[in-house]
Amino acid sequence: MAKRKSGLGELVLDGKGRVRMRKCSPRTWTSDKERQFLTALAETCNVSLAAQEAGVSPQHAYVRRKSHAAFRAAWVEAIAIAYSRLELVLLDRALNGTEKLVTHKDGREERMVHYSNQVALTLFKMHRETAIEADSEMPLDELAELREKISNKLDRLKQQEDKREAGTGGET
């Protein structure tokens, strides 16, 4: 049976080759449900929550991922976005800590900043090789080229700023 989806339902060919409109069931994937699922997946990195947001079951999401290449690619992209967001949150927590309310035995409350050593160590492990590479000395010819590029960029930025100031009469 051949199928073609529309917003109201799907066109199907019955056994006699006639085209019929079949209503979409609540379980049918629509482009709207797919968009909701992928948006929620990119925000939460959680398939169950994304499925709930889209009004589908997690099992149907996994089945769709297995059978639809475009959906699978979008799923991977959504997870990559969520992973990047998660990494930024963890980096922020490792660098800035999290505020905790501590209640002392005498009943007084105090706000403290807690830094997670586990998060910091994990980030160290993840980026150790890059940091070591950055610490290694750069050959002098590469260093001179890099300095020239930076200097040229700063000159261009200064010229743009001067033009902007001249256009506004020097006011900011």
C-alpha atoms as a PDB file:
ATOM      1  CA  MET A   1       0.000   0.000   0.000  1.00  0.00           C
ATOM      2  CA  ALA A   2       1.615   3.317  -1.094  1.00  0.00           C
ATOM      3  CA  LYS A   3       1.276   6.287   1.272  1.00  0.00           C
ATOM      4  CA  ARG A   4       1.577  10.034   1.008  1.00  0.00           C
ATOM      5  CA  LYS A   5       1.076  12.232   4.071  1.00  0.00           C
ATOM      6  CA  SER A   6      -0.681  15.570   4.165  1.00  0.00           C
ATOM      7  CA  GLY A   7      -1.572  17.803   7.108  1.00  0.00           C
ATOM      8  CA  LEU A   8      -5.072  16.285   7.486  1.00  0.00           C
ATOM      9  CA  GLY A   9      -4.197  12.657   7.010  1.00  0.00           C
ATOM     10  CA  GLU A  10      -2.477  10.507   4.514  1.00  0.00           C
ATOM     11  CA  LEU A  11      -3.316   9.493   0.992  1.00  0.00           C
ATOM     12  CA  VAL A  12      -3.187   5.732   0.594  1.00  0.00           C
ATOM     13  CA  LEU A  13      -3.693   3.368  -2.283  1.00  0.00           C
ATOM     14  CA  ASP A  14      -6.013   0.575  -1.355  1.00  0.00           C
ATOM     15  CA  GLY A  15      -5.727  -2.973  -2.719  1.00  0.00           C
ATOM     16  CA  LYS A  16      -7.643  -1.983  -5.868  1.00  0.00           C
ATOM     17  CA  GLY A  17      -5.389   0.973  -6.711  1.00  0.00           C
ATOM     18  CA  ARG A  18      -7.864   3.619  -5.559  1.00  0.00           C
ATOM     19  CA  VAL A  19      -6.639   6.678  -3.673  1.00  0.00           C
ATOM     20  CA  ARG A  20      -8.226   7.145  -0.260  1.00  0.00           C
ATOM     21  CA  MET A  21      -7.673   9.698   2.505  1.00  0.00           C
ATOM     22  CA  ARG A  22      -6.994   8.086   5.858  1.00  0.00           C
ATOM     23  CA  LYS A  23      -7.129  10.277   8.970  1.00  0.00           C
ATOM     24  CA  CYS A  24      -3.980  10.595  11.021  1.00  0.00           C
ATOM     25  CA  SER A  25      -4.128   8.816  14.335  1.00  0.00           C
ATOM     26  CA  PRO A  26      -2.665  10.419  17.471  1.00  0.00           C
ATOM     27  CA  ARG A  27       0.280   8.050  17.052  1.00  0.00           C
ATOM     28  CA  THR A  28       1.081   9.282  13.523  1.00  0.00           C
ATOM     29  CA  TRP A  29       4.266  11.288  13.167  1.00  0.00           C
ATOM     30  CA  THR A  30       3.686  14.710  11.644  1.00  0.00           C
ATOM     31  CA  SER A  31       6.211  17.366  10.710  1.00  0.00           C
ATOM     32  CA  ASP A  32       4.974  19.376  13.703  1.00  0.00           C
ATOM     33  CA  LYS A  33       5.531  16.477  16.113  1.00  0.00           C
ATOM     34  CA  GLU A  34       8.963  15.872  14.617  1.00  0.00           C
ATOM     35  CA  ARG A  35       9.915  19.534  15.048  1.00  0.00           C
ATOM     36  CA  GLN A  36       8.659  19.541  18.658  1.00  0.00           C
ATOM     37  CA  PHE A  37      10.546  16.340  19.421  1.00  0.00           C
ATOM     38  CA  LEU A  38      13.831  17.548  17.914  1.00  0.00           C
ATOM     39  CA  THR A  39      13.571  20.969  19.572  1.00  0.00           C
ATOM     40  CA  ALA A  40      12.967  19.379  22.976  1.00  0.00           C
ATOM     41  CA  LEU A  41      15.768  16.864  22.387  1.00  0.00           C
ATOM     42  CA  ALA A  42      18.198  19.706  21.600  1.00  0.00           C
ATOM     43  CA  GLU A  43      17.106  21.513  24.770  1.00  0.00           C
ATOM     44  CA  THR A  44      17.086  18.569  27.168  1.00  0.00           C
ATOM     45  CA  CYS A  45      19.240  15.780  25.697  1.00  0.00           C
ATOM     46  CA  ASN A  46      16.480  13.495  27.008  1.00  0.00           C
ATOM     47  CA  VAL A  47      14.523  11.261  24.620  1.00  0.00           C
ATOM     48  CA  SER A  48      11.710  10.546  27.090  1.00  0.00           C
ATOM     49  CA  LEU A  49      11.085  14.240  27.782  1.00  0.00           C
ATOM     50  CA  ALA A  50      11.312  15.087  24.075  1.00  0.00           C
ATOM     51  CA  ALA A  51       8.818  12.336  23.230  1.00  0.00           C
ATOM     52  CA  GLN A  52       6.449  13.549  25.936  1.00  0.00           C
ATOM     53  CA  GLU A  53       6.715  17.110  24.601  1.00  0.00           C
ATOM     54  CA  ALA A  54       5.850  15.928  21.076  1.00  0.00           C
ATOM     55  CA  GLY A  55       3.065  13.626  22.219  1.00  0.00           C
ATOM     56  CA  VAL A  56       4.718  10.430  21.001  1.00  0.00           C
ATOM     57  CA  SER A  57       6.210   7.463  22.790  1.00  0.00           C
ATOM     58  CA  PRO A  58       9.973   7.091  23.155  1.00  0.00           C
ATOM     59  CA  GLN A  59       9.690   3.675  21.473  1.00  0.00           C
ATOM     60  CA  HIS A  60       8.110   5.252  18.372  1.00  0.00           C
ATOM     61  CA  ALA A  61      10.884   7.848  18.326  1.00  0.00           C
ATOM     62  CA  TYR A  62      13.529   5.103  18.306  1.00  0.00           C
ATOM     63  CA  VAL A  63      11.661   3.204  15.580  1.00  0.00           C
ATOM     64  CA  ARG A  64      11.456   6.376  13.484  1.00  0.00           C
ATOM     65  CA  ARG A  65      15.162   7.052  14.022  1.00  0.00           C
ATOM     66  CA  LYS A  66      15.960   3.583  12.777  1.00  0.00           C
ATOM     67  CA  SER A  67      13.795   3.828   9.644  1.00  0.00           C
ATOM     68  CA  HIS A  68      14.081   7.505   8.549  1.00  0.00           C
ATOM     69  CA  ALA A  69      17.552   8.737   7.559  1.00  0.00           C
ATOM     70  CA  ALA A  70      16.650  12.445   7.629  1.00  0.00           C
ATOM     71  CA  PHE A  71      15.150  12.108  11.110  1.00  0.00           C
ATOM     72  CA  ARG A  72      18.221  10.155  12.259  1.00  0.00           C
ATOM     73  CA  ALA A  73      20.513  12.950  10.983  1.00  0.00           C
ATOM     74  CA  ALA A  74      18.386  15.618  12.693  1.00  0.00           C
ATOM     75  CA  TRP A  75      18.435  13.542  15.900  1.00  0.00           C
ATOM     76  CA  VAL A  76      22.254  13.431  15.830  1.00  0.00           C
ATOM     77  CA  GLU A  77      22.367  17.193  15.284  1.00  0.00           C
ATOM     78  CA  ALA A  78      19.949  17.803  18.172  1.00  0.00           C
ATOM     79  CA  ILE A  79      22.067  15.649  20.493  1.00  0.00           C
ATOM     80  CA  ALA A  80      25.193  17.544  19.397  1.00  0.00           C
ATOM     81  CA  ILE A  81      23.500  20.851  20.240  1.00  0.00           C
ATOM     82  CA  ALA A  82      22.362  19.527  23.625  1.00  0.00           C
ATOM     83  CA  TYR A  83      25.826  18.141  24.344  1.00  0.00           C
ATOM     84  CA  SER A  84      27.441  21.502  23.588  1.00  0.00           C
ATOM     85  CA  ARG A  85      24.975  23.264  25.879  1.00  0.00           C
ATOM     86  CA  LEU A  86      25.618  20.713  28.614  1.00  0.00           C
ATOM     87  CA  GLU A  87      29.370  21.142  28.274  1.00  0.00           C
ATOM     88  CA  LEU A  88      29.004  24.923  28.644  1.00  0.00           C
ATOM     89  CA  VAL A  89      26.844  24.524  31.748  1.00  0.00           C
ATOM     90  CA  LEU A  90      29.346  22.134  33.320  1.00  0.00           C
ATOM     91  CA  LEU A  91      32.240  24.429  32.462  1.00  0.00           C
ATOM     92  CA  ASP A  92      30.395  27.343  34.044  1.00  0.00           C
ATOM     93  CA  ARG A  93      29.744  25.297  37.191  1.00  0.00           C
ATOM     94  CA  ALA A  94      33.371  24.172  37.387  1.00  0.00           C
ATOM     95  CA  LEU A  95      34.685  27.731  36.998  1.00  0.00           C
ATOM     96  CA  ASN A  96      32.039  29.666  38.946  1.00  0.00           C
ATOM     97  CA  GLY A  97      30.669  27.035  41.313  1.00  0.00           C
ATOM     98  CA  THR A  98      27.086  26.647  42.419  1.00  0.00           C
ATOM     99  CA  GLU A  99      25.440  28.420  45.310  1.00  0.00           C
ATOM    100  CA  LYS A 100      24.301  26.213  48.164  1.00  0.00           C
ATOM    101  CA  LEU A 101      22.364  27.016  51.301  1.00  0.00           C
ATOM    102  CA  VAL A 102      24.010  25.501  54.380  1.00  0.00           C
ATOM    103  CA  THR A 103      22.058  25.217  57.622  1.00  0.00           C
ATOM    104  CA  HIS A 104      24.252  25.112  60.720  1.00  0.00           C
ATOM    105  CA  LYS A 105      23.415  23.192  63.907  1.00  0.00           C
ATOM    106  CA  ASP A 106      22.459  26.429  65.649  1.00  0.00           C
ATOM    107  CA  GLY A 107      19.839  27.078  62.928  1.00  0.00           C
ATOM    108  CA  ARG A 108      21.608  29.880  61.104  1.00  0.00           C
ATOM    109  CA  GLU A 109      21.717  29.667  57.328  1.00  0.00           C
ATOM    110  CA  GLU A 110      24.661  30.614  55.179  1.00  0.00           C
ATOM    111  CA  ARG A 111      25.057  30.769  51.425  1.00  0.00           C
ATOM    112  CA  MET A 112      28.256  29.202  50.110  1.00  0.00           C
ATOM    113  CA  VAL A 113      29.705  28.585  46.673  1.00  0.00           C
ATOM    114  CA  HIS A 114      30.503  24.929  46.015  1.00  0.00           C
ATOM    115  CA  TYR A 115      33.013  23.885  43.353  1.00  0.00           C
ATOM    116  CA  SER A 116      32.743  20.321  42.115  1.00  0.00           C
ATOM    117  CA  ASN A 117      36.161  18.704  41.892  1.00  0.00           C
ATOM    118  CA  GLN A 118      34.683  15.809  39.892  1.00  0.00           C
ATOM    119  CA  VAL A 119      33.398  18.127  37.156  1.00  0.00           C
ATOM    120  CA  ALA A 120      36.708  19.986  37.060  1.00  0.00           C
ATOM    121  CA  LEU A 121      38.696  16.732  36.819  1.00  0.00           C
ATOM    122  CA  THR A 122      36.467  15.444  34.045  1.00  0.00           C
ATOM    123  CA  LEU A 123      36.964  18.663  32.083  1.00  0.00           C
ATOM    124  CA  PHE A 124      40.733  18.432  32.682  1.00  0.00           C
ATOM    125  CA  LYS A 125      40.768  14.927  31.220  1.00  0.00           C
ATOM    126  CA  MET A 126      38.665  15.965  28.226  1.00  0.00           C
ATOM    127  CA  HIS A 127      40.862  18.917  27.267  1.00  0.00           C
ATOM    128  CA  ARG A 128      44.288  17.891  28.555  1.00  0.00           C
ATOM    129  CA  GLU A 129      45.839  17.171  25.153  1.00  0.00           C
ATOM    130  CA  THR A 130      44.588  20.440  23.681  1.00  0.00           C
ATOM    131  CA  ALA A 131      45.981  22.379  26.646  1.00  0.00           C
ATOM    132  CA  ILE A 132      49.356  20.634  26.363  1.00  0.00           C
ATOM    133  CA  GLU A 133      49.428  21.424  22.651  1.00  0.00           C
ATOM    134  CA  ALA A 134      48.628  25.079  23.391  1.00  0.00           C
ATOM    135  CA  ASP A 135      51.435  25.266  25.974  1.00  0.00           C
ATOM    136  CA  SER A 136      54.059  23.935  23.591  1.00  0.00           C
ATOM    137  CA  GLU A 137      56.260  26.565  22.029  1.00  0.00           C
ATOM    138  CA  MET A 138      55.316  27.809  18.608  1.00  0.00           C
ATOM    139  CA  PRO A 139      58.069  28.042  15.962  1.00  0.00           C
ATOM    140  CA  LEU A 140      59.324  31.632  15.595  1.00  0.00           C
ATOM    141  CA  ASP A 141      58.210  31.994  11.967  1.00  0.00           C
ATOM    142  CA  GLU A 142      54.653  30.891  12.891  1.00  0.00           C
ATOM    143  CA  LEU A 143      54.698  33.218  15.887  1.00  0.00           C
ATOM    144  CA  ALA A 144      55.740  36.188  13.738  1.00  0.00           C
ATOM    145  CA  GLU A 145      53.002  35.362  11.201  1.00  0.00           C
ATOM    146  CA  LEU A 146      50.409  35.116  13.963  1.00  0.00           C
ATOM    147  CA  ARG A 147      51.509  38.440  15.469  1.00  0.00           C
ATOM    148  CA  GLU A 148      51.233  40.096  12.050  1.00  0.00           C
ATOM    149  CA  LYS A 149      47.703  38.715  11.530  1.00  0.00           C
ATOM    150  CA  ILE A 150      46.625  39.937  14.961  1.00  0.00           C
ATOM    151  CA  SER A 151      48.182  43.357  14.344  1.00  0.00           C
ATOM    152  CA  ASN A 152      46.435  43.665  10.964  1.00  0.00           C
ATOM    153  CA  LYS A 153      43.123  42.650  12.519  1.00  0.00           C
ATOM    154  CA  LEU A 154      43.546  45.248  15.283  1.00  0.00           C
ATOM    155  CA  ASP A 155      44.366  47.909  12.666  1.00  0.00           C
ATOM    156  CA  ARG A 156      41.204  47.040  10.695  1.00  0.00           C
ATOM    157  CA  LEU A 157      39.101  47.165  13.876  1.00  0.00           C
ATOM    158  CA  LYS A 158      40.610  50.542  14.787  1.00  0.00           C
ATOM    159  CA  GLN A 159      39.827  51.900  11.292  1.00  0.00           C
ATOM    160  CA  GLN A 160      36.233  50.648  11.552  1.00  0.00           C
ATOM    161  CA  GLU A 161      35.866  52.242  14.978  1.00  0.00           C
ATOM    162  CA  ASP A 162      37.299  55.549  13.689  1.00  0.00           C
ATOM    163  CA  LYS A 163      34.832  55.511  10.762  1.00  0.00           C
ATOM    164  CA  ARG A 164      31.949  54.763  13.119  1.00  0.00           C
ATOM    165  CA  GLU A 165      32.941  57.619  15.405  1.00  0.00           C
ATOM    166  CA  ALA A 166      33.350  59.997  12.471  1.00  0.00           C
ATOM    167  CA  GLY A 167      29.860  59.043  11.263  1.00  0.00           C
ATOM    168  CA  THR A 168      28.302  59.860  14.634  1.00  0.00           C
ATOM    169  CA  GLY A 169      30.248  63.059  15.170  1.00  0.00           C
ATOM    170  CA  GLY A 170      32.517  61.360  17.711  1.00  0.00           C
ATOM    171  CA  GLU A 171      29.667  60.777  20.179  1.00  0.00           C
ATOM    172  CA  THR A 172      28.990  57.451  21.877  1.00  0.00           C
END
